[in-house]
Amino acid sequence: DGNGDAHLPMLKGTIDWERSFAAMKASLPEDCVLVMEYNSGTPLSTL
């Protein structure tokens, strides 16, 4: 939510993901490594 390093799943905070995804698709090289850095114990279904 901008106030703490909560490591929530994507779409669960205040990041503008639609604009971010558009920028990622347009700008990232193919070999860029994407890591979902969620809290330990996050259910596999959420991952």
All heavy atoms as atom14 arrays in JSON, in Angstrom:
{
  "sequence": "DGNGDAHLPMLKGTIDWERSFAAMKASLPEDCVLVMEYNSGTPLSTL",
  "atom14_mask": [
    [1, 1, 1, 1, 1, 1, 1, 1, 0, 0, 0, 0, 0, 0],
    [1, 1, 1, 1, 0, 0, 0, 0, 0, 0, 0, 0, 0, 0],
    [1, 1, 1, 1, 1, 1, 1, 1, 0, 0, 0, 0, 0, 0],
    [1, 1, 1, 1, 0, 0, 0, 0, 0, 0, 0, 0, 0, 0],
    [1, 1, 1, 1, 1, 1, 1, 1, 0, 0, 0, 0, 0, 0],
    [1, 1, 1, 1, 1, 0, 0, 0, 0, 0, 0, 0, 0, 0],
    [1, 1, 1, 1, 1, 1, 1, 1, 1, 1, 0, 0, 0, 0],
    [1, 1, 1, 1, 1, 1, 1, 1, 0, 0, 0, 0, 0, 0],
    [1, 1, 1, 1, 1, 1, 1, 0, 0, 0, 0, 0, 0, 0],
    [1, 1, 1, 1, 1, 1, 1, 1, 0, 0, 0, 0, 0, 0],
    [1, 1, 1, 1, 1, 1, 1, 1, 0, 0, 0, 0, 0, 0],
    [1, 1, 1, 1, 1, 1, 1, 1, 1, 0, 0, 0, 0, 0],
    [1, 1, 1, 1, 0, 0, 0, 0, 0, 0, 0, 0, 0, 0],
    [1, 1, 1, 1, 1, 1, 1, 0, 0, 0, 0, 0, 0, 0],
    [1, 1, 1, 1, 1, 1, 1, 1, 0, 0, 0, 0, 0, 0],
    [1, 1, 1, 1, 1, 1, 1, 1, 0, 0, 0, 0, 0, 0],
    [1, 1, 1, 1, 1, 1, 1, 1, 1, 1, 1, 1, 1, 1],
    [1, 1, 1, 1, 1, 1, 1, 1, 1, 0, 0, 0, 0, 0],
    [1, 1, 1, 1, 1, 1, 1, 1, 1, 1, 1, 0, 0, 0],
    [1, 1, 1, 1, 1, 1, 0, 0, 0, 0, 0, 0, 0, 0],
    [1, 1, 1, 1, 1, 1, 1, 1, 1, 1, 1, 0, 0, 0],
    [1, 1, 1, 1, 1, 0, 0, 0, 0, 0, 0, 0, 0, 0],
    [1, 1, 1, 1, 1, 0, 0, 0, 0, 0, 0, 0, 0, 0],
    [1, 1, 1, 1, 1, 1, 1, 1, 0, 0, 0, 0, 0, 0],
    [1, 1, 1, 1, 1, 1, 1, 1, 1, 0, 0, 0, 0, 0],
    [1, 1, 1, 1, 1, 0, 0, 0, 0, 0, 0, 0, 0, 0],
    [1, 1, 1, 1, 1, 1, 0, 0, 0, 0, 0, 0, 0, 0],
    [1, 1, 1, 1, 1, 1, 1, 1, 0, 0, 0, 0, 0, 0],
    [1, 1, 1, 1, 1, 1, 1, 0, 0, 0, 0, 0, 0, 0],
    [1, 1, 1, 1, 1, 1, 1, 1, 1, 0, 0, 0, 0, 0],
    [1, 1, 1, 1, 1, 1, 1, 1, 0, 0, 0, 0, 0, 0],
    [1, 1, 1, 1, 1, 1, 0, 0, 0, 0, 0, 0, 0, 0],
    [1, 1, 1, 1, 1, 1, 1, 0, 0, 0, 0, 0, 0, 0],
    [1, 1, 1, 1, 1, 1, 1, 1, 0, 0, 0, 0, 0, 0],
    [1, 1, 1, 1, 1, 1, 1, 0, 0, 0, 0, 0, 0, 0],
    [1, 1, 1, 1, 1, 1, 1, 1, 0, 0, 0, 0, 0, 0],
    [1, 1, 1, 1, 1, 1, 1, 1, 1, 0, 0, 0, 0, 0],
    [1, 1, 1, 1, 1, 1, 1, 1, 1, 1, 1, 1, 0, 0],
    [1, 1, 1, 1, 1, 1, 1, 1, 0, 0, 0, 0, 0, 0],
    [1, 1, 1, 1, 1, 1, 0, 0, 0, 0, 0, 0, 0, 0],
    [1, 1, 1, 1, 0, 0, 0, 0, 0, 0, 0, 0, 0, 0],
    [1, 1, 1, 1, 1, 1, 1, 0, 0, 0, 0, 0, 0, 0],
    [1, 1, 1, 1, 1, 1, 1, 0, 0, 0, 0, 0, 0, 0],
    [1, 1, 1, 1, 1, 1, 1, 1, 0, 0, 0, 0, 0, 0],
    [1, 1, 1, 1, 1, 1, 0, 0, 0, 0, 0, 0, 0, 0],
    [1, 1, 1, 1, 1, 1, 1, 0, 0, 0, 0, 0, 0, 0],
    [1, 1, 1, 1, 1, 1, 1, 1, 0, 0, 0, 0, 0, 0]
  ],
  "atom14_positions": [
    [[0.81, -1.22, 0.0], [0.0, 0.0, 0.0], [0.85, 1.27, 0.0], [0.33, 2.37, 0.19], [-0.96, 0.0, 1.2], [-0.22, 0.05, 2.54], [1.03, 0.07, 2.56], [-0.92, 0.08, 3.58], [0.0, 0.0, 0.0], [0.0, 0.0, 0.0], [0.0, 0.0, 0.0], [0.0, 0.0, 0.0], [0.0, 0.0, 0.0], [0.0, 0.0, 0.0]],
    [[2.14, 1.1, -0.19], [3.05, 2.25, -0.22], [3.65, 2.58, 1.13], [4.57, 3.39, 1.21], [0.0, 0.0, 0.0], [0.0, 0.0, 0.0], [0.0, 0.0, 0.0], [0.0, 0.0, 0.0], [0.0, 0.0, 0.0], [0.0, 0.0, 0.0], [0.0, 0.0, 0.0], [0.0, 0.0, 0.0], [0.0, 0.0, 0.0], [0.0, 0.0, 0.0]],
    [[3.15, 1.95, 2.19], [3.62, 2.28, 3.54], [4.54, 1.23, 4.15], [5.17, 1.49, 5.18], [2.41, 2.49, 4.46], [1.59, 3.69, 4.06], [2.12, 4.76, 3.82], [0.27, 3.48, 3.96], [0.0, 0.0, 0.0], [0.0, 0.0, 0.0], [0.0, 0.0, 0.0], [0.0, 0.0, 0.0], [0.0, 0.0, 0.0], [0.0, 0.0, 0.0]],
    [[4.61, 0.07, 3.57], [5.45, -0.99, 4.12], [5.74, -2.03, 3.06], [5.01, -2.16, 2.06], [0.0, 0.0, 0.0], [0.0, 0.0, 0.0], [0.0, 0.0, 0.0], [0.0, 0.0, 0.0], [0.0, 0.0, 0.0], [0.0, 0.0, 0.0], [0.0, 0.0, 0.0], [0.0, 0.0, 0.0], [0.0, 0.0, 0.0], [0.0, 0.0, 0.0]],
    [[6.8, -2.79, 3.28], [7.25, -3.79, 2.31], [6.49, -5.1, 2.55], [7.04, -6.09, 3.03], [8.76, -3.99, 2.46], [9.39, -4.65, 1.25], [8.73, -4.73, 0.2], [10.56, -5.08, 1.36], [0.0, 0.0, 0.0], [0.0, 0.0, 0.0], [0.0, 0.0, 0.0], [0.0, 0.0, 0.0], [0.0, 0.0, 0.0], [0.0, 0.0, 0.0]],
    [[5.2, -5.11, 2.2], [4.28, -6.18, 2.61], [4.43, -7.45, 1.79], [3.97, -8.51, 2.21], [2.84, -5.68, 2.54], [0.0, 0.0, 0.0], [0.0, 0.0, 0.0], [0.0, 0.0, 0.0], [0.0, 0.0, 0.0], [0.0, 0.0, 0.0], [0.0, 0.0, 0.0], [0.0, 0.0, 0.0], [0.0, 0.0, 0.0], [0.0, 0.0, 0.0]],
    [[4.99, -7.37, 0.59], [5.15, -8.52, -0.29], [3.81, -9.23, -0.53], [3.71, -10.46, -0.44], [6.21, -9.49, 0.26], [7.6, -8.98, 0.13], [8.42, -9.27, -0.94], [8.32, -8.13, 0.91], [9.57, -8.66, -0.81], [9.54, -7.95, 0.31], [0.0, 0.0, 0.0], [0.0, 0.0, 0.0], [0.0, 0.0, 0.0], [0.0, 0.0, 0.0]],
    [[2.81, -8.43, -0.85], [1.5, -8.96, -1.18], [1.49, -9.47, -2.62], [2.32, -9.05, -3.44], [0.44, -7.87, -1.02], [0.29, -7.24, 0.36], [-0.7, -6.08, 0.29], [-0.13, -8.27, 1.38], [0.0, 0.0, 0.0], [0.0, 0.0, 0.0], [0.0, 0.0, 0.0], [0.0, 0.0, 0.0], [0.0, 0.0, 0.0], [0.0, 0.0, 0.0]],
    [[0.51, -10.31, -2.96], [0.36, -10.71, -4.37], [0.04, -9.51, -5.25], [-0.5, -8.5, -4.78], [-0.82, -11.69, -4.32], [-0.85, -12.21, -2.92], [-0.41, -11.04, -2.07], [0.0, 0.0, 0.0], [0.0, 0.0, 0.0], [0.0, 0.0, 0.0], [0.0, 0.0, 0.0], [0.0, 0.0, 0.0], [0.0, 0.0, 0.0], [0.0, 0.0, 0.0]],
    [[0.38, -9.6, -6.5], [0.03, -8.55, -7.45], [-1.47, -8.29, -7.42], [-2.27, -9.21, -7.23], [0.47, -8.95, -8.86], [1.98, -9.01, -9.05], [2.47, -9.55, -10.72], [2.07, -11.31, -10.65], [0.0, 0.0, 0.0], [0.0, 0.0, 0.0], [0.0, 0.0, 0.0], [0.0, 0.0, 0.0], [0.0, 0.0, 0.0], [0.0, 0.0, 0.0]],
    [[-1.85, -7.03, -7.58], [-3.23, -6.54, -7.58], [-3.83, -6.4, -6.18], [-5.0, -6.03, -6.05], [-4.16, -7.43, -8.44], [-3.73, -7.71, -9.88], [-4.8, -8.54, -10.58], [-3.49, -6.42, -10.64], [0.0, 0.0, 0.0], [0.0, 0.0, 0.0], [0.0, 0.0, 0.0], [0.0, 0.0, 0.0], [0.0, 0.0, 0.0], [0.0, 0.0, 0.0]],
    [[-3.06, -6.67, -5.14], [-3.57, -6.58, -3.77], [-3.11, -5.33, -3.04], [-3.35, -5.18, -1.85], [-3.15, -7.82, -2.98], [-3.67, -9.13, -3.54], [-5.19, -9.18, -3.57], [-5.69, -10.53, -4.07], [-7.17, -10.58, -4.13], [0.0, 0.0, 0.0], [0.0, 0.0, 0.0], [0.0, 0.0, 0.0], [0.0, 0.0, 0.0], [0.0, 0.0, 0.0]],
    [[-2.45, -4.42, -3.75], [-1.98, -3.18, -3.15], [-2.34, -2.0, -4.02], [-3.39, -1.99, -4.67], [0.0, 0.0, 0.0], [0.0, 0.0, 0.0], [0.0, 0.0, 0.0], [0.0, 0.0, 0.0], [0.0, 0.0, 0.0], [0.0, 0.0, 0.0], [0.0, 0.0, 0.0], [0.0, 0.0, 0.0], [0.0, 0.0, 0.0], [0.0, 0.0, 0.0]],
    [[-1.46, -1.01, -4.08], [-1.78, 0.24, -4.79], [-0.95, 0.45, -6.06], [-1.04, 1.51, -6.68], [-1.55, 1.44, -3.85], [-0.19, 1.46, -3.39], [-2.48, 1.37, -2.65], [0.0, 0.0, 0.0], [0.0, 0.0, 0.0], [0.0, 0.0, 0.0], [0.0, 0.0, 0.0], [0.0, 0.0, 0.0], [0.0, 0.0, 0.0], [0.0, 0.0, 0.0]],
    [[-0.15, -0.51, -6.46], [0.64, -0.37, -7.69], [-0.28, -0.34, -8.9], [-1.26, -1.1, -8.97], [1.67, -1.52, -7.81], [2.74, -1.38, -6.73], [2.31, -1.55, -9.2], [3.75, -2.5, -6.7], [0.0, 0.0, 0.0], [0.0, 0.0, 0.0], [0.0, 0.0, 0.0], [0.0, 0.0, 0.0], [0.0, 0.0, 0.0], [0.0, 0.0, 0.0]],
    [[0.01, 0.52, -9.85], [-0.76, 0.6, -11.1], [-0.26, -0.5, -12.03], [0.65, -0.3, -12.84], [-0.57, 1.98, -11.73], [-1.45, 2.2, -12.96], [-1.96, 1.2, -13.51], [-1.62, 3.37, -13.36], [0.0, 0.0, 0.0], [0.0, 0.0, 0.0], [0.0, 0.0, 0.0], [0.0, 0.0, 0.0], [0.0, 0.0, 0.0], [0.0, 0.0, 0.0]],
    [[-0.87, -1.67, -11.9], [-0.38, -2.83, -12.65], [-0.7, -2.76, -14.14], [0.08, -3.26, -14.96], [-0.92, -4.12, -12.03], [-0.23, -4.45, -10.75], [-0.7, -4.29, -9.48], [1.1, -4.96, -10.62], [0.24, -4.68, -8.56], [1.36, -5.1, -9.23], [2.1, -5.33, -11.52], [2.56, -5.58, -8.73], [3.3, -5.81, -11.04], [3.53, -5.93, -9.66]],
    [[-1.82, -2.18, -14.51], [-2.16, -2.12, -15.94], [-1.11, -1.33, -16.7], [-0.61, -1.77, -17.74], [-3.56, -1.51, -16.13], [-4.7, -2.43, -15.74], [-4.65, -3.76, -16.5], [-4.41, -3.75, -17.72], [-4.85, -4.82, -15.86], [0.0, 0.0, 0.0], [0.0, 0.0, 0.0], [0.0, 0.0, 0.0], [0.0, 0.0, 0.0], [0.0, 0.0, 0.0]],
    [[-0.74, -0.16, -16.19], [0.31, 0.62, -16.84], [1.66, -0.08, -16.74], [2.46, -0.05, -17.69], [0.41, 2.02, -16.21], [-0.72, 2.95, -16.54], [-0.51, 4.32, -15.89], [0.72, 4.94, -16.35], [1.62, 5.51, -15.54], [1.43, 5.53, -14.22], [2.71, 6.05, -16.04], [0.0, 0.0, 0.0], [0.0, 0.0, 0.0], [0.0, 0.0, 0.0]],
    [[1.91, -0.73, -15.61], [3.18, -1.42, -15.43], [3.31, -2.59, -16.39], [4.36, -2.8, -17.0], [3.32, -1.9, -13.98], [3.35, -0.81, -13.08], [0.0, 0.0, 0.0], [0.0, 0.0, 0.0], [0.0, 0.0, 0.0], [0.0, 0.0, 0.0], [0.0, 0.0, 0.0], [0.0, 0.0, 0.0], [0.0, 0.0, 0.0], [0.0, 0.0, 0.0]],
    [[2.25, -3.37, -16.52], [2.28, -4.5, -17.46], [2.5, -4.02, -18.89], [3.25, -4.63, -19.66], [0.98, -5.31, -17.37], [0.86, -6.17, -16.15], [-0.36, -6.3, -15.49], [1.96, -6.86, -15.64], [-0.47, -7.1, -14.36], [1.85, -7.66, -14.51], [0.63, -7.78, -13.87], [0.0, 0.0, 0.0], [0.0, 0.0, 0.0], [0.0, 0.0, 0.0]],
    [[1.84, -2.93, -19.26], [2.0, -2.39, -20.62], [3.45, -1.97, -20.85], [4.03, -2.24, -21.92], [1.06, -1.21, -20.82], [0.0, 0.0, 0.0], [0.0, 0.0, 0.0], [0.0, 0.0, 0.0], [0.0, 0.0, 0.0], [0.0, 0.0, 0.0], [0.0, 0.0, 0.0], [0.0, 0.0, 0.0], [0.0, 0.0, 0.0], [0.0, 0.0, 0.0]],
    [[4.05, -1.31, -19.85], [5.45, -0.9, -19.98], [6.37, -2.11, -20.04], [7.35, -2.13, -20.81], [5.83, 0.0, -18.8], [0.0, 0.0, 0.0], [0.0, 0.0, 0.0], [0.0, 0.0, 0.0], [0.0, 0.0, 0.0], [0.0, 0.0, 0.0], [0.0, 0.0, 0.0], [0.0, 0.0, 0.0], [0.0, 0.0, 0.0], [0.0, 0.0, 0.0]],
    [[6.1, -3.12, -19.23], [6.91, -4.35, -19.24], [6.86, -5.02, -20.6], [7.89, -5.42, -21.16], [6.43, -5.31, -18.15], [6.71, -4.83, -16.73], [5.77, -5.73, -15.46], [6.51, -7.37, -15.6], [0.0, 0.0, 0.0], [0.0, 0.0, 0.0], [0.0, 0.0, 0.0], [0.0, 0.0, 0.0], [0.0, 0.0, 0.0], [0.0, 0.0, 0.0]],
    [[5.66, -5.13, -21.15], [5.5, -5.81, -22.45], [6.23, -5.06, -23.56], [6.81, -5.67, -24.46], [4.02, -5.94, -22.78], [3.75, -6.79, -24.01], [2.27, -7.1, -24.15], [2.03, -8.03, -25.34], [0.59, -8.41, -25.46], [0.0, 0.0, 0.0], [0.0, 0.0, 0.0], [0.0, 0.0, 0.0], [0.0, 0.0, 0.0], [0.0, 0.0, 0.0]],
    [[6.22, -3.73, -23.46], [6.83, -2.93, -24.52], [8.34, -2.77, -24.37], [9.04, -2.57, -25.37], [6.18, -1.55, -24.54], [0.0, 0.0, 0.0], [0.0, 0.0, 0.0], [0.0, 0.0, 0.0], [0.0, 0.0, 0.0], [0.0, 0.0, 0.0], [0.0, 0.0, 0.0], [0.0, 0.0, 0.0], [0.0, 0.0, 0.0], [0.0, 0.0, 0.0]],
    [[8.86, -2.89, -23.15], [10.22, -2.44, -22.9], [11.21, -3.5, -22.44], [12.42, -3.31, -22.58], [10.21, -1.31, -21.86], [9.35, -0.26, -22.25], [0.0, 0.0, 0.0], [0.0, 0.0, 0.0], [0.0, 0.0, 0.0], [0.0, 0.0, 0.0], [0.0, 0.0, 0.0], [0.0, 0.0, 0.0], [0.0, 0.0, 0.0], [0.0, 0.0, 0.0]],
    [[10.74, -4.59, -21.86], [11.68, -5.55, -21.28], [12.3, -6.46, -22.33], [11.62, -6.91, -23.25], [10.97, -6.41, -20.22], [10.45, -5.7, -18.97], [9.87, -6.73, -18.01], [11.54, -4.89, -18.29], [0.0, 0.0, 0.0], [0.0, 0.0, 0.0], [0.0, 0.0, 0.0], [0.0, 0.0, 0.0], [0.0, 0.0, 0.0], [0.0, 0.0, 0.0]],
    [[13.58, -6.78, -22.18], [14.21, -7.76, -23.07], [13.68, -9.16, -22.75], [13.16, -9.42, -21.66], [15.7, -7.65, -22.72], [15.73, -7.11, -21.33], [14.52, -6.22, -21.19], [0.0, 0.0, 0.0], [0.0, 0.0, 0.0], [0.0, 0.0, 0.0], [0.0, 0.0, 0.0], [0.0, 0.0, 0.0], [0.0, 0.0, 0.0], [0.0, 0.0, 0.0]],
    [[13.82, -10.07, -23.69], [13.28, -11.42, -23.52], [13.93, -12.17, -22.37], [13.31, -13.04, -21.77], [13.44, -12.22, -24.82], [12.53, -11.74, -25.95], [12.62, -12.65, -27.16], [13.36, -13.68, -27.09], [11.97, -12.35, -28.18], [0.0, 0.0, 0.0], [0.0, 0.0, 0.0], [0.0, 0.0, 0.0], [0.0, 0.0, 0.0], [0.0, 0.0, 0.0]],
    [[15.18, -11.84, -22.06], [15.88, -12.59, -21.01], [15.73, -11.97, -19.62], [16.39, -12.4, -18.67], [17.37, -12.74, -21.35], [18.08, -11.4, -21.49], [17.4, -10.35, -21.47], [19.32, -11.4, -21.63], [0.0, 0.0, 0.0], [0.0, 0.0, 0.0], [0.0, 0.0, 0.0], [0.0, 0.0, 0.0], [0.0, 0.0, 0.0], [0.0, 0.0, 0.0]],
    [[14.85, -10.96, -19.48], [14.61, -10.37, -18.17], [13.92, -11.4, -17.27], [12.91, -12.01, -17.66], [13.74, -9.13, -18.3], [13.41, -8.28, -16.74], [0.0, 0.0, 0.0], [0.0, 0.0, 0.0], [0.0, 0.0, 0.0], [0.0, 0.0, 0.0], [0.0, 0.0, 0.0], [0.0, 0.0, 0.0], [0.0, 0.0, 0.0], [0.0, 0.0, 0.0]],
    [[14.46, -11.61, -16.09], [13.94, -12.61, -15.16], [12.89, -11.98, -14.26], [13.16, -10.99, -13.56], [15.07, -13.21, -14.3], [14.5, -14.22, -13.3], [16.13, -13.87, -15.19], [0.0, 0.0, 0.0], [0.0, 0.0, 0.0], [0.0, 0.0, 0.0], [0.0, 0.0, 0.0], [0.0, 0.0, 0.0], [0.0, 0.0, 0.0], [0.0, 0.0, 0.0]],
    [[11.68, -12.54, -14.26], [10.58, -12.03, -13.44], [10.38, -12.96, -12.24], [10.17, -14.16, -12.41], [9.29, -11.94, -14.25], [9.36, -11.1, -15.54], [8.01, -11.11, -16.24], [9.8, -9.67, -15.23], [0.0, 0.0, 0.0], [0.0, 0.0, 0.0], [0.0, 0.0, 0.0], [0.0, 0.0, 0.0], [0.0, 0.0, 0.0], [0.0, 0.0, 0.0]],
    [[10.46, -12.39, -11.04], [10.33, -13.17, -9.82], [9.14, -12.65, -9.02], [9.1, -11.47, -8.66], [11.61, -13.09, -8.96], [11.43, -13.87, -7.66], [12.82, -13.59, -9.72], [0.0, 0.0, 0.0], [0.0, 0.0, 0.0], [0.0, 0.0, 0.0], [0.0, 0.0, 0.0], [0.0, 0.0, 0.0], [0.0, 0.0, 0.0], [0.0, 0.0, 0.0]],
    [[8.16, -13.52, -8.75], [7.06, -13.15, -7.86], [7.58, -13.3, -6.43], [7.69, -14.4, -5.92], [5.85, -14.03, -8.12], [5.19, -13.78, -9.45], [3.65, -14.72, -9.67], [4.27, -16.41, -9.59], [0.0, 0.0, 0.0], [0.0, 0.0, 0.0], [0.0, 0.0, 0.0], [0.0, 0.0, 0.0], [0.0, 0.0, 0.0], [0.0, 0.0, 0.0]],
    [[7.89, -12.17, -5.81], [8.52, -12.19, -4.5], [7.45, -12.01, -3.42], [7.4, -11.01, -2.71], [9.58, -11.09, -4.42], [10.58, -11.29, -3.3], [11.66, -10.23, -3.31], [11.34, -9.02, -3.16], [12.84, -10.59, -3.48], [0.0, 0.0, 0.0], [0.0, 0.0, 0.0], [0.0, 0.0, 0.0], [0.0, 0.0, 0.0], [0.0, 0.0, 0.0]],
    [[6.61, -13.02, -3.3], [5.52, -12.98, -2.32], [6.02, -13.47, -0.96], [7.07, -14.07, -0.84], [4.37, -13.87, -2.77], [3.65, -13.43, -4.04], [4.03, -12.29, -4.74], [2.58, -14.16, -4.53], [3.38, -11.9, -5.89], [1.91, -13.79, -5.69], [2.3, -12.66, -6.37], [1.65, -12.27, -7.52], [0.0, 0.0, 0.0], [0.0, 0.0, 0.0]],
    [[5.21, -13.2, 0.06], [5.54, -13.66, 1.4], [5.71, -15.18, 1.44], [5.01, -15.91, 0.73], [4.44, -13.26, 2.39], [4.56, -11.83, 2.84], [5.66, -11.36, 3.15], [3.45, -11.11, 2.86], [0.0, 0.0, 0.0], [0.0, 0.0, 0.0], [0.0, 0.0, 0.0], [0.0, 0.0, 0.0], [0.0, 0.0, 0.0], [0.0, 0.0, 0.0]],
    [[6.63, -15.64, 2.3], [6.75, -17.08, 2.5], [5.43, -17.6, 3.07], [4.77, -16.93, 3.88], [7.9, -17.39, 3.47], [7.69, -16.76, 4.72], [0.0, 0.0, 0.0], [0.0, 0.0, 0.0], [0.0, 0.0, 0.0], [0.0, 0.0, 0.0], [0.0, 0.0, 0.0], [0.0, 0.0, 0.0], [0.0, 0.0, 0.0], [0.0, 0.0, 0.0]],
    [[5.04, -18.78, 2.63], [3.77, -19.33, 3.06], [2.6, -18.97, 2.17], [1.46, -19.39, 2.43], [0.0, 0.0, 0.0], [0.0, 0.0, 0.0], [0.0, 0.0, 0.0], [0.0, 0.0, 0.0], [0.0, 0.0, 0.0], [0.0, 0.0, 0.0], [0.0, 0.0, 0.0], [0.0, 0.0, 0.0], [0.0, 0.0, 0.0], [0.0, 0.0, 0.0]],
    [[2.86, -18.19, 1.12], [1.79, -17.86, 0.18], [1.29, -19.16, -0.48], [2.1, -19.96, -0.94], [2.29, -16.9, -0.92], [2.69, -15.67, -0.3], [1.21, -16.61, -1.94], [0.0, 0.0, 0.0], [0.0, 0.0, 0.0], [0.0, 0.0, 0.0], [0.0, 0.0, 0.0], [0.0, 0.0, 0.0], [0.0, 0.0, 0.0], [0.0, 0.0, 0.0]],
    [[-0.01, -19.39, -0.51], [-0.54, -20.64, -1.1], [-0.09, -20.82, -2.55], [0.03, -19.85, -3.3], [-2.06, -20.46, -1.01], [-2.27, -19.46, 0.08], [-1.09, -18.53, 0.02], [0.0, 0.0, 0.0], [0.0, 0.0, 0.0], [0.0, 0.0, 0.0], [0.0, 0.0, 0.0], [0.0, 0.0, 0.0], [0.0, 0.0, 0.0], [0.0, 0.0, 0.0]],
    [[0.12, -22.06, -2.93], [0.51, -22.35, -4.31], [-0.53, -21.86, -5.3], [-0.21, -21.46, -6.41], [0.74, -23.85, -4.47], [1.99, -24.42, -3.79], [2.05, -25.94, -3.96], [3.26, -23.78, -4.35], [0.0, 0.0, 0.0], [0.0, 0.0, 0.0], [0.0, 0.0, 0.0], [0.0, 0.0, 0.0], [0.0, 0.0, 0.0], [0.0, 0.0, 0.0]],
    [[-1.8, -21.91, -4.9], [-2.86, -21.45, -5.79], [-2.71, -19.96, -6.11], [-2.98, -19.52, -7.24], [-4.23, -21.71, -5.17], [-4.35, -21.05, -3.91], [0.0, 0.0, 0.0], [0.0, 0.0, 0.0], [0.0, 0.0, 0.0], [0.0, 0.0, 0.0], [0.0, 0.0, 0.0], [0.0, 0.0, 0.0], [0.0, 0.0, 0.0], [0.0, 0.0, 0.0]],
    [[-2.25, -19.18, -5.13], [-2.03, -17.75, -5.34], [-0.85, -17.53, -6.28], [-0.88, -16.63, -7.15], [-1.78, -17.04, -4.0], [-2.9, -17.26, -3.14], [-1.59, -15.54, -4.2], [0.0, 0.0, 0.0], [0.0, 0.0, 0.0], [0.0, 0.0, 0.0], [0.0, 0.0, 0.0], [0.0, 0.0, 0.0], [0.0, 0.0, 0.0], [0.0, 0.0, 0.0]],
    [[0.2, -18.33, -6.12], [1.34, -18.24, -7.03], [0.93, -18.62, -8.45], [1.37, -18.0, -9.42], [2.47, -19.16, -6.54], [3.09, -18.79, -5.19], [4.05, -19.89, -4.73], [3.81, -17.46, -5.27], [0.0, 0.0, 0.0], [0.0, 0.0, 0.0], [0.0, 0.0, 0.0], [0.0, 0.0, 0.0], [0.0, 0.0, 0.0], [0.0, 0.0, 0.0]]
  ]
}
